[in-house]
All heavy atoms as atom14 arrays in JSON, in Angstrom:
{
  "sequence": "PAILSMPPIEGGIGLDVRQHRVVVPHLTQEVITMLRAYEPKLAPVE",
  "atom14_mask": [
    [1, 1, 1, 1, 1, 1, 1, 0, 0, 0, 0, 0, 0, 0],
    [1, 1, 1, 1, 1, 0, 0, 0, 0, 0, 0, 0, 0, 0],
    [1, 1, 1, 1, 1, 1, 1, 1, 0, 0, 0, 0, 0, 0],
    [1, 1, 1, 1, 1, 1, 1, 1, 0, 0, 0, 0, 0, 0],
    [1, 1, 1, 1, 1, 1, 0, 0, 0, 0, 0, 0, 0, 0],
    [1, 1, 1, 1, 1, 1, 1, 1, 0, 0, 0, 0, 0, 0],
    [1, 1, 1, 1, 1, 1, 1, 0, 0, 0, 0, 0, 0, 0],
    [1, 1, 1, 1, 1, 1, 1, 0, 0, 0, 0, 0, 0, 0],
    [1, 1, 1, 1, 1, 1, 1, 1, 0, 0, 0, 0, 0, 0],
    [1, 1, 1, 1, 1, 1, 1, 1, 1, 0, 0, 0, 0, 0],
    [1, 1, 1, 1, 0, 0, 0, 0, 0, 0, 0, 0, 0, 0],
    [1, 1, 1, 1, 0, 0, 0, 0, 0, 0, 0, 0, 0, 0],
    [1, 1, 1, 1, 1, 1, 1, 1, 0, 0, 0, 0, 0, 0],
    [1, 1, 1, 1, 0, 0, 0, 0, 0, 0, 0, 0, 0, 0],
    [1, 1, 1, 1, 1, 1, 1, 1, 0, 0, 0, 0, 0, 0],
    [1, 1, 1, 1, 1, 1, 1, 1, 0, 0, 0, 0, 0, 0],
    [1, 1, 1, 1, 1, 1, 1, 0, 0, 0, 0, 0, 0, 0],
    [1, 1, 1, 1, 1, 1, 1, 1, 1, 1, 1, 0, 0, 0],
    [1, 1, 1, 1, 1, 1, 1, 1, 1, 0, 0, 0, 0, 0],
    [1, 1, 1, 1, 1, 1, 1, 1, 1, 1, 0, 0, 0, 0],
    [1, 1, 1, 1, 1, 1, 1, 1, 1, 1, 1, 0, 0, 0],
    [1, 1, 1, 1, 1, 1, 1, 0, 0, 0, 0, 0, 0, 0],
    [1, 1, 1, 1, 1, 1, 1, 0, 0, 0, 0, 0, 0, 0],
    [1, 1, 1, 1, 1, 1, 1, 0, 0, 0, 0, 0, 0, 0],
    [1, 1, 1, 1, 1, 1, 1, 0, 0, 0, 0, 0, 0, 0],
    [1, 1, 1, 1, 1, 1, 1, 1, 1, 1, 0, 0, 0, 0],
    [1, 1, 1, 1, 1, 1, 1, 1, 0, 0, 0, 0, 0, 0],
    [1, 1, 1, 1, 1, 1, 1, 0, 0, 0, 0, 0, 0, 0],
    [1, 1, 1, 1, 1, 1, 1, 1, 1, 0, 0, 0, 0, 0],
    [1, 1, 1, 1, 1, 1, 1, 1, 1, 0, 0, 0, 0, 0],
    [1, 1, 1, 1, 1, 1, 1, 0, 0, 0, 0, 0, 0, 0],
    [1, 1, 1, 1, 1, 1, 1, 1, 0, 0, 0, 0, 0, 0],
    [1, 1, 1, 1, 1, 1, 1, 0, 0, 0, 0, 0, 0, 0],
    [1, 1, 1, 1, 1, 1, 1, 1, 0, 0, 0, 0, 0, 0],
    [1, 1, 1, 1, 1, 1, 1, 1, 0, 0, 0, 0, 0, 0],
    [1, 1, 1, 1, 1, 1, 1, 1, 1, 1, 1, 0, 0, 0],
    [1, 1, 1, 1, 1, 0, 0, 0, 0, 0, 0, 0, 0, 0],
    [1, 1, 1, 1, 1, 1, 1, 1, 1, 1, 1, 1, 0, 0],
    [1, 1, 1, 1, 1, 1, 1, 1, 1, 0, 0, 0, 0, 0],
    [1, 1, 1, 1, 1, 1, 1, 0, 0, 0, 0, 0, 0, 0],
    [1, 1, 1, 1, 1, 1, 1, 1, 1, 0, 0, 0, 0, 0],
    [1, 1, 1, 1, 1, 1, 1, 1, 0, 0, 0, 0, 0, 0],
    [1, 1, 1, 1, 1, 0, 0, 0, 0, 0, 0, 0, 0, 0],
    [1, 1, 1, 1, 1, 1, 1, 0, 0, 0, 0, 0, 0, 0],
    [1, 1, 1, 1, 1, 1, 1, 0, 0, 0, 0, 0, 0, 0],
    [1, 1, 1, 1, 1, 1, 1, 1, 1, 0, 0, 0, 0, 0]
  ],
  "atom14_positions": [
    [[194.79, 55.81, 57.37], [193.52, 55.85, 58.08], [192.46, 56.53, 57.22], [192.62, 57.67, 56.8], [193.83, 56.67, 59.31], [194.94, 57.59, 58.89], [195.71, 56.85, 57.83], [0.0, 0.0, 0.0], [0.0, 0.0, 0.0], [0.0, 0.0, 0.0], [0.0, 0.0, 0.0], [0.0, 0.0, 0.0], [0.0, 0.0, 0.0], [0.0, 0.0, 0.0]],
    [[191.39, 55.83, 56.93], [190.31, 56.38, 56.1], [189.02, 56.52, 56.89], [188.29, 57.46, 56.7], [190.09, 55.49, 54.88], [0.0, 0.0, 0.0], [0.0, 0.0, 0.0], [0.0, 0.0, 0.0], [0.0, 0.0, 0.0], [0.0, 0.0, 0.0], [0.0, 0.0, 0.0], [0.0, 0.0, 0.0], [0.0, 0.0, 0.0], [0.0, 0.0, 0.0]],
    [[188.77, 55.57, 57.77], [187.54, 55.58, 58.56], [187.93, 55.79, 60.01], [188.55, 54.92, 60.62], [186.76, 54.26, 58.38], [186.44, 54.05, 56.9], [185.51, 54.25, 59.23], [185.92, 52.69, 56.57], [0.0, 0.0, 0.0], [0.0, 0.0, 0.0], [0.0, 0.0, 0.0], [0.0, 0.0, 0.0], [0.0, 0.0, 0.0], [0.0, 0.0, 0.0]],
    [[187.59, 56.95, 60.56], [188.01, 57.25, 61.93], [187.06, 56.71, 62.97], [187.48, 56.36, 64.07], [188.18, 58.77, 62.09], [189.23, 59.4, 61.18], [189.33, 60.88, 61.45], [190.58, 58.72, 61.37], [0.0, 0.0, 0.0], [0.0, 0.0, 0.0], [0.0, 0.0, 0.0], [0.0, 0.0, 0.0], [0.0, 0.0, 0.0], [0.0, 0.0, 0.0]],
    [[185.77, 56.65, 62.65], [184.82, 56.1, 63.62], [183.75, 55.34, 62.84], [183.4, 55.7, 61.72], [184.18, 57.21, 64.46], [183.39, 58.04, 63.64], [0.0, 0.0, 0.0], [0.0, 0.0, 0.0], [0.0, 0.0, 0.0], [0.0, 0.0, 0.0], [0.0, 0.0, 0.0], [0.0, 0.0, 0.0], [0.0, 0.0, 0.0], [0.0, 0.0, 0.0]],
    [[183.25, 54.31, 63.48], [182.23, 53.47, 62.86], [181.02, 53.46, 63.78], [181.12, 53.05, 64.94], [182.77, 52.05, 62.69], [181.79, 51.08, 62.08], [181.41, 51.37, 60.37], [182.95, 51.02, 59.6], [0.0, 0.0, 0.0], [0.0, 0.0, 0.0], [0.0, 0.0, 0.0], [0.0, 0.0, 0.0], [0.0, 0.0, 0.0], [0.0, 0.0, 0.0]],
    [[179.87, 53.93, 63.27], [178.67, 53.88, 64.11], [178.29, 52.42, 64.37], [178.65, 51.53, 63.59], [177.61, 54.58, 63.27], [178.13, 54.62, 61.89], [179.62, 54.49, 61.96], [0.0, 0.0, 0.0], [0.0, 0.0, 0.0], [0.0, 0.0, 0.0], [0.0, 0.0, 0.0], [0.0, 0.0, 0.0], [0.0, 0.0, 0.0], [0.0, 0.0, 0.0]],
    [[177.61, 52.15, 65.47], [177.23, 50.76, 65.77], [176.36, 50.17, 64.67], [175.52, 50.86, 64.1], [176.46, 50.86, 67.09], [176.36, 52.29, 67.43], [177.12, 53.09, 66.45], [0.0, 0.0, 0.0], [0.0, 0.0, 0.0], [0.0, 0.0, 0.0], [0.0, 0.0, 0.0], [0.0, 0.0, 0.0], [0.0, 0.0, 0.0], [0.0, 0.0, 0.0]],
    [[176.59, 48.92, 64.38], [175.82, 48.23, 63.35], [174.61, 47.61, 64.02], [174.74, 46.83, 64.96], [176.68, 47.17, 62.64], [177.81, 47.88, 61.9], [175.84, 46.33, 61.69], [178.81, 46.96, 61.27], [0.0, 0.0, 0.0], [0.0, 0.0, 0.0], [0.0, 0.0, 0.0], [0.0, 0.0, 0.0], [0.0, 0.0, 0.0], [0.0, 0.0, 0.0]],
    [[173.43, 47.99, 63.52], [172.19, 47.47, 64.1], [171.82, 46.17, 63.4], [171.69, 46.12, 62.19], [171.07, 48.49, 63.93], [171.31, 49.77, 64.69], [170.21, 50.78, 64.46], [169.15, 50.42, 63.93], [170.42, 51.94, 64.81], [0.0, 0.0, 0.0], [0.0, 0.0, 0.0], [0.0, 0.0, 0.0], [0.0, 0.0, 0.0], [0.0, 0.0, 0.0]],
    [[171.66, 45.14, 64.17], [171.24, 43.85, 63.64], [169.87, 43.52, 64.17], [169.28, 44.27, 64.94], [0.0, 0.0, 0.0], [0.0, 0.0, 0.0], [0.0, 0.0, 0.0], [0.0, 0.0, 0.0], [0.0, 0.0, 0.0], [0.0, 0.0, 0.0], [0.0, 0.0, 0.0], [0.0, 0.0, 0.0], [0.0, 0.0, 0.0], [0.0, 0.0, 0.0]],
    [[169.37, 42.41, 63.73], [168.07, 42.01, 64.22], [167.59, 40.76, 63.51], [168.18, 40.31, 62.53], [0.0, 0.0, 0.0], [0.0, 0.0, 0.0], [0.0, 0.0, 0.0], [0.0, 0.0, 0.0], [0.0, 0.0, 0.0], [0.0, 0.0, 0.0], [0.0, 0.0, 0.0], [0.0, 0.0, 0.0], [0.0, 0.0, 0.0], [0.0, 0.0, 0.0]],
    [[166.51, 40.23, 64.02], [165.92, 39.04, 63.43], [164.95, 39.48, 62.33], [164.21, 40.43, 62.5], [165.18, 38.22, 64.51], [166.18, 37.76, 65.56], [164.45, 37.05, 63.9], [165.55, 37.1, 66.76], [0.0, 0.0, 0.0], [0.0, 0.0, 0.0], [0.0, 0.0, 0.0], [0.0, 0.0, 0.0], [0.0, 0.0, 0.0], [0.0, 0.0, 0.0]],
    [[164.97, 38.78, 61.24], [164.05, 39.09, 60.16], [164.77, 39.37, 58.87], [165.99, 39.29, 58.78], [0.0, 0.0, 0.0], [0.0, 0.0, 0.0], [0.0, 0.0, 0.0], [0.0, 0.0, 0.0], [0.0, 0.0, 0.0], [0.0, 0.0, 0.0], [0.0, 0.0, 0.0], [0.0, 0.0, 0.0], [0.0, 0.0, 0.0], [0.0, 0.0, 0.0]],
    [[164.0, 39.71, 57.87], [164.54, 39.92, 56.54], [164.48, 41.38, 56.12], [164.4, 41.68, 54.93], [163.78, 39.04, 55.54], [163.87, 37.54, 55.79], [162.98, 36.78, 54.83], [165.3, 37.07, 55.69], [0.0, 0.0, 0.0], [0.0, 0.0, 0.0], [0.0, 0.0, 0.0], [0.0, 0.0, 0.0], [0.0, 0.0, 0.0], [0.0, 0.0, 0.0]],
    [[164.52, 42.27, 57.09], [164.49, 43.69, 56.77], [165.79, 44.11, 56.1], [166.87, 43.67, 56.51], [164.3, 44.54, 58.04], [162.95, 44.31, 58.69], [162.01, 43.91, 57.97], [162.85, 44.51, 59.91], [0.0, 0.0, 0.0], [0.0, 0.0, 0.0], [0.0, 0.0, 0.0], [0.0, 0.0, 0.0], [0.0, 0.0, 0.0], [0.0, 0.0, 0.0]],
    [[165.69, 44.96, 55.1], [166.88, 45.52, 54.47], [167.36, 46.65, 55.37], [166.67, 47.65, 55.55], [166.57, 46.04, 53.05], [167.81, 46.66, 52.43], [166.03, 44.92, 52.18], [0.0, 0.0, 0.0], [0.0, 0.0, 0.0], [0.0, 0.0, 0.0], [0.0, 0.0, 0.0], [0.0, 0.0, 0.0], [0.0, 0.0, 0.0], [0.0, 0.0, 0.0]],
    [[168.5, 46.48, 55.97], [169.04, 47.46, 56.91], [170.02, 48.39, 56.21], [170.76, 47.97, 55.33], [169.72, 46.77, 58.07], [168.77, 45.81, 58.78], [169.28, 45.41, 60.13], [168.5, 44.34, 60.73], [167.29, 44.47, 61.24], [166.71, 45.63, 61.23], [166.66, 43.44, 61.76], [0.0, 0.0, 0.0], [0.0, 0.0, 0.0], [0.0, 0.0, 0.0]],
    [[170.01, 49.65, 56.62], [170.92, 50.64, 56.06], [171.94, 51.03, 57.12], [171.64, 51.06, 58.31], [170.17, 51.87, 55.59], [169.23, 51.59, 54.45], [168.57, 52.84, 53.93], [168.73, 53.93, 54.47], [167.83, 52.7, 52.85], [0.0, 0.0, 0.0], [0.0, 0.0, 0.0], [0.0, 0.0, 0.0], [0.0, 0.0, 0.0], [0.0, 0.0, 0.0]],
    [[173.14, 51.31, 56.66], [174.23, 51.68, 57.55], [175.02, 52.81, 56.9], [175.45, 52.68, 55.76], [175.12, 50.46, 57.8], [176.17, 50.66, 58.82], [175.88, 50.85, 60.16], [177.51, 50.71, 58.72], [177.0, 50.99, 60.83], [178.0, 50.92, 59.98], [0.0, 0.0, 0.0], [0.0, 0.0, 0.0], [0.0, 0.0, 0.0], [0.0, 0.0, 0.0]],
    [[175.17, 53.92, 57.62], [175.91, 55.07, 57.09], [177.32, 55.07, 57.66], [177.52, 54.97, 58.86], [175.24, 56.38, 57.49], [173.93, 56.6, 56.83], [173.36, 57.99, 57.19], [171.99, 58.1, 56.79], [171.59, 58.33, 55.55], [172.47, 58.47, 54.6], [170.32, 58.42, 55.25], [0.0, 0.0, 0.0], [0.0, 0.0, 0.0], [0.0, 0.0, 0.0]],
    [[178.28, 55.22, 56.74], [179.69, 55.3, 57.14], [180.24, 56.61, 56.59], [180.2, 56.85, 55.38], [180.51, 54.11, 56.59], [181.97, 54.25, 56.97], [179.95, 52.8, 57.1], [0.0, 0.0, 0.0], [0.0, 0.0, 0.0], [0.0, 0.0, 0.0], [0.0, 0.0, 0.0], [0.0, 0.0, 0.0], [0.0, 0.0, 0.0], [0.0, 0.0, 0.0]],
    [[180.76, 57.45, 57.47], [181.34, 58.72, 57.06], [182.84, 58.52, 56.89], [183.51, 58.0, 57.78], [181.05, 59.84, 58.09], [181.76, 61.12, 57.7], [179.56, 60.06, 58.21], [0.0, 0.0, 0.0], [0.0, 0.0, 0.0], [0.0, 0.0, 0.0], [0.0, 0.0, 0.0], [0.0, 0.0, 0.0], [0.0, 0.0, 0.0], [0.0, 0.0, 0.0]],
    [[183.33, 58.9, 55.72], [184.76, 58.83, 55.44], [185.26, 60.27, 55.43], [185.12, 60.98, 54.43], [185.02, 58.13, 54.08], [186.51, 57.99, 53.83], [184.33, 56.78, 54.04], [0.0, 0.0, 0.0], [0.0, 0.0, 0.0], [0.0, 0.0, 0.0], [0.0, 0.0, 0.0], [0.0, 0.0, 0.0], [0.0, 0.0, 0.0], [0.0, 0.0, 0.0]],
    [[185.83, 60.75, 56.57], [186.15, 62.17, 56.69], [187.4, 62.6, 55.93], [187.52, 63.76, 55.56], [186.33, 62.37, 58.19], [186.72, 61.03, 58.69], [186.08, 60.03, 57.81], [0.0, 0.0, 0.0], [0.0, 0.0, 0.0], [0.0, 0.0, 0.0], [0.0, 0.0, 0.0], [0.0, 0.0, 0.0], [0.0, 0.0, 0.0], [0.0, 0.0, 0.0]],
    [[188.33, 61.69, 55.7], [189.57, 62.07, 55.02], [189.53, 61.53, 53.6], [189.49, 60.33, 53.39], [190.79, 61.49, 55.74], [190.98, 62.06, 57.1], [191.43, 63.33, 57.32], [190.73, 61.53, 58.32], [191.48, 63.56, 58.62], [191.06, 62.49, 59.25], [0.0, 0.0, 0.0], [0.0, 0.0, 0.0], [0.0, 0.0, 0.0], [0.0, 0.0, 0.0]],
    [[189.53, 62.44, 52.65], [189.52, 62.01, 51.26], [190.95, 61.75, 50.81], [191.56, 62.55, 50.11], [188.83, 63.06, 50.38], [187.34, 63.23, 50.64], [186.75, 64.29, 49.73], [186.6, 61.93, 50.47], [0.0, 0.0, 0.0], [0.0, 0.0, 0.0], [0.0, 0.0, 0.0], [0.0, 0.0, 0.0], [0.0, 0.0, 0.0], [0.0, 0.0, 0.0]],
    [[191.47, 60.62, 51.23], [192.81, 60.21, 50.81], [192.74, 59.82, 49.34], [191.67, 59.67, 48.76], [193.3, 59.03, 51.65], [192.42, 57.93, 51.43], [193.35, 59.38, 53.13], [0.0, 0.0, 0.0], [0.0, 0.0, 0.0], [0.0, 0.0, 0.0], [0.0, 0.0, 0.0], [0.0, 0.0, 0.0], [0.0, 0.0, 0.0], [0.0, 0.0, 0.0]],
    [[193.89, 59.62, 48.73], [193.94, 59.26, 47.32], [193.19, 57.95, 47.07], [192.51, 57.8, 46.06], [195.39, 59.15, 46.84], [195.5, 59.01, 45.34], [194.84, 60.16, 44.59], [195.02, 61.33, 44.92], [194.07, 59.83, 43.57], [0.0, 0.0, 0.0], [0.0, 0.0, 0.0], [0.0, 0.0, 0.0], [0.0, 0.0, 0.0], [0.0, 0.0, 0.0]],
    [[193.26, 57.0, 47.99], [192.57, 55.72, 47.83], [191.06, 55.9, 47.86], [190.33, 55.27, 47.09], [193.01, 54.73, 48.91], [194.44, 54.27, 48.8], [195.45, 55.27, 49.34], [195.07, 56.15, 50.13], [196.62, 55.17, 48.96], [0.0, 0.0, 0.0], [0.0, 0.0, 0.0], [0.0, 0.0, 0.0], [0.0, 0.0, 0.0], [0.0, 0.0, 0.0]],
    [[190.57, 56.76, 48.75], [189.14, 57.01, 48.85], [188.65, 57.71, 47.58], [187.61, 57.35, 47.02], [188.8, 57.86, 50.1], [187.34, 58.27, 50.1], [189.14, 57.09, 51.36], [0.0, 0.0, 0.0], [0.0, 0.0, 0.0], [0.0, 0.0, 0.0], [0.0, 0.0, 0.0], [0.0, 0.0, 0.0], [0.0, 0.0, 0.0], [0.0, 0.0, 0.0]],
    [[189.39, 58.68, 47.1], [189.01, 59.38, 45.88], [188.98, 58.41, 44.7], [188.06, 58.43, 43.89], [189.97, 60.57, 45.62], [189.76, 61.65, 46.68], [189.78, 61.14, 44.22], [190.78, 62.73, 46.69], [0.0, 0.0, 0.0], [0.0, 0.0, 0.0], [0.0, 0.0, 0.0], [0.0, 0.0, 0.0], [0.0, 0.0, 0.0], [0.0, 0.0, 0.0]],
    [[189.99, 57.55, 44.62], [190.01, 56.54, 43.55], [188.81, 55.62, 43.65], [188.14, 55.33, 42.65], [191.31, 55.71, 43.62], [192.42, 56.58, 43.46], [191.33, 54.64, 42.54], [0.0, 0.0, 0.0], [0.0, 0.0, 0.0], [0.0, 0.0, 0.0], [0.0, 0.0, 0.0], [0.0, 0.0, 0.0], [0.0, 0.0, 0.0], [0.0, 0.0, 0.0]],
    [[188.5, 55.17, 44.86], [187.39, 54.25, 45.05], [186.05, 54.89, 44.67], [185.22, 54.25, 44.04], [187.33, 53.78, 46.51], [186.25, 52.76, 46.77], [186.22, 52.19, 48.46], [185.47, 53.57, 49.29], [0.0, 0.0, 0.0], [0.0, 0.0, 0.0], [0.0, 0.0, 0.0], [0.0, 0.0, 0.0], [0.0, 0.0, 0.0], [0.0, 0.0, 0.0]],
    [[185.84, 56.14, 45.02], [184.54, 56.77, 44.81], [184.4, 57.5, 43.48], [183.28, 57.69, 43.01], [184.24, 57.74, 45.96], [184.14, 57.1, 47.35], [183.86, 58.17, 48.39], [183.07, 56.03, 47.37], [0.0, 0.0, 0.0], [0.0, 0.0, 0.0], [0.0, 0.0, 0.0], [0.0, 0.0, 0.0], [0.0, 0.0, 0.0], [0.0, 0.0, 0.0]],
    [[185.51, 57.9, 42.87], [185.4, 58.65, 41.62], [185.86, 57.86, 40.4], [185.28, 58.01, 39.33], [186.2, 59.95, 41.73], [185.54, 60.92, 42.67], [185.99, 62.33, 42.41], [185.17, 63.26, 43.17], [185.64, 64.3, 43.81], [186.91, 64.58, 43.78], [184.82, 65.09, 44.49], [0.0, 0.0, 0.0], [0.0, 0.0, 0.0], [0.0, 0.0, 0.0]],
    [[186.88, 57.04, 40.53], [187.38, 56.3, 39.37], [186.51, 55.09, 39.06], [186.42, 54.67, 37.92], [188.83, 55.87, 39.6], [0.0, 0.0, 0.0], [0.0, 0.0, 0.0], [0.0, 0.0, 0.0], [0.0, 0.0, 0.0], [0.0, 0.0, 0.0], [0.0, 0.0, 0.0], [0.0, 0.0, 0.0], [0.0, 0.0, 0.0], [0.0, 0.0, 0.0]],
    [[185.92, 54.5, 40.09], [185.04, 53.34, 39.91], [183.6, 53.78, 40.13], [183.34, 54.8, 40.75], [185.38, 52.24, 40.92], [186.79, 51.72, 40.8], [187.75, 52.07, 41.73], [187.15, 50.89, 39.75], [189.05, 51.59, 41.62], [188.44, 50.41, 39.63], [189.38, 50.77, 40.57], [190.66, 50.3, 40.46], [0.0, 0.0, 0.0], [0.0, 0.0, 0.0]],
    [[182.67, 52.99, 39.66], [181.25, 53.25, 39.94], [180.92, 52.51, 41.24], [180.81, 51.29, 41.25], [180.39, 52.73, 38.79], [178.9, 52.84, 39.03], [178.44, 54.27, 39.32], [178.85, 55.19, 38.61], [177.66, 54.45, 40.27], [0.0, 0.0, 0.0], [0.0, 0.0, 0.0], [0.0, 0.0, 0.0], [0.0, 0.0, 0.0], [0.0, 0.0, 0.0]],
    [[180.79, 53.23, 42.36], [180.61, 52.54, 43.64], [179.22, 51.96, 43.87], [179.06, 51.07, 44.69], [180.93, 53.62, 44.67], [180.6, 54.9, 43.98], [180.9, 54.68, 42.53], [0.0, 0.0, 0.0], [0.0, 0.0, 0.0], [0.0, 0.0, 0.0], [0.0, 0.0, 0.0], [0.0, 0.0, 0.0], [0.0, 0.0, 0.0], [0.0, 0.0, 0.0]],
    [[178.21, 52.43, 43.16], [176.85, 51.94, 43.41], [176.79, 50.43, 43.16], [177.24, 49.94, 42.15], [175.84, 52.66, 42.53], [174.41, 52.27, 42.87], [173.44, 53.21, 42.21], [172.02, 52.81, 42.5], [171.57, 53.16, 43.81], [0.0, 0.0, 0.0], [0.0, 0.0, 0.0], [0.0, 0.0, 0.0], [0.0, 0.0, 0.0], [0.0, 0.0, 0.0]],
    [[176.24, 49.72, 44.13], [176.08, 48.27, 44.12], [177.39, 47.5, 44.23], [177.43, 46.31, 43.97], [175.28, 47.81, 42.89], [173.88, 48.37, 42.77], [173.21, 47.85, 41.51], [173.04, 48.03, 43.97], [0.0, 0.0, 0.0], [0.0, 0.0, 0.0], [0.0, 0.0, 0.0], [0.0, 0.0, 0.0], [0.0, 0.0, 0.0], [0.0, 0.0, 0.0]],
    [[178.46, 48.18, 44.61], [179.73, 47.48, 44.86], [179.58, 46.66, 46.15], [178.99, 47.13, 47.12], [180.88, 48.47, 45.0], [0.0, 0.0, 0.0], [0.0, 0.0, 0.0], [0.0, 0.0, 0.0], [0.0, 0.0, 0.0], [0.0, 0.0, 0.0], [0.0, 0.0, 0.0], [0.0, 0.0, 0.0], [0.0, 0.0, 0.0], [0.0, 0.0, 0.0]],
    [[180.08, 45.43, 46.16], [179.95, 44.61, 47.38], [180.78, 45.19, 48.52], [181.87, 45.73, 48.3], [180.47, 43.24, 46.95], [181.27, 43.48, 45.74], [180.75, 44.72, 45.09], [0.0, 0.0, 0.0], [0.0, 0.0, 0.0], [0.0, 0.0, 0.0], [0.0, 0.0, 0.0], [0.0, 0.0, 0.0], [0.0, 0.0, 0.0], [0.0, 0.0, 0.0]],
    [[180.25, 45.08, 49.73], [180.9, 45.63, 50.92], [180.86, 44.6, 52.04], [179.85, 43.92, 52.24], [180.17, 46.91, 51.41], [180.73, 47.39, 52.73], [180.26, 48.0, 50.37], [0.0, 0.0, 0.0], [0.0, 0.0, 0.0], [0.0, 0.0, 0.0], [0.0, 0.0, 0.0], [0.0, 0.0, 0.0], [0.0, 0.0, 0.0], [0.0, 0.0, 0.0]],
    [[181.96, 44.5, 52.76], [182.01, 43.72, 53.99], [182.65, 44.6, 55.06], [183.6, 45.3, 54.78], [182.84, 42.45, 53.82], [182.21, 41.41, 52.95], [183.04, 40.13, 52.86], [184.17, 40.11, 53.4], [182.56, 39.18, 52.26], [0.0, 0.0, 0.0], [0.0, 0.0, 0.0], [0.0, 0.0, 0.0], [0.0, 0.0, 0.0], [0.0, 0.0, 0.0]]
  ]
}
């Protein structure tokens, strides 16, 4: 378990660039690898 809660995703009509914050409270080995071993900026997310 890495993500314990997910805030609601706000959608809407239009071409606005929307921001979404996700808090990852447990720094498991996978999370540390993802955020420190790789360059996460501009990594694709779904």
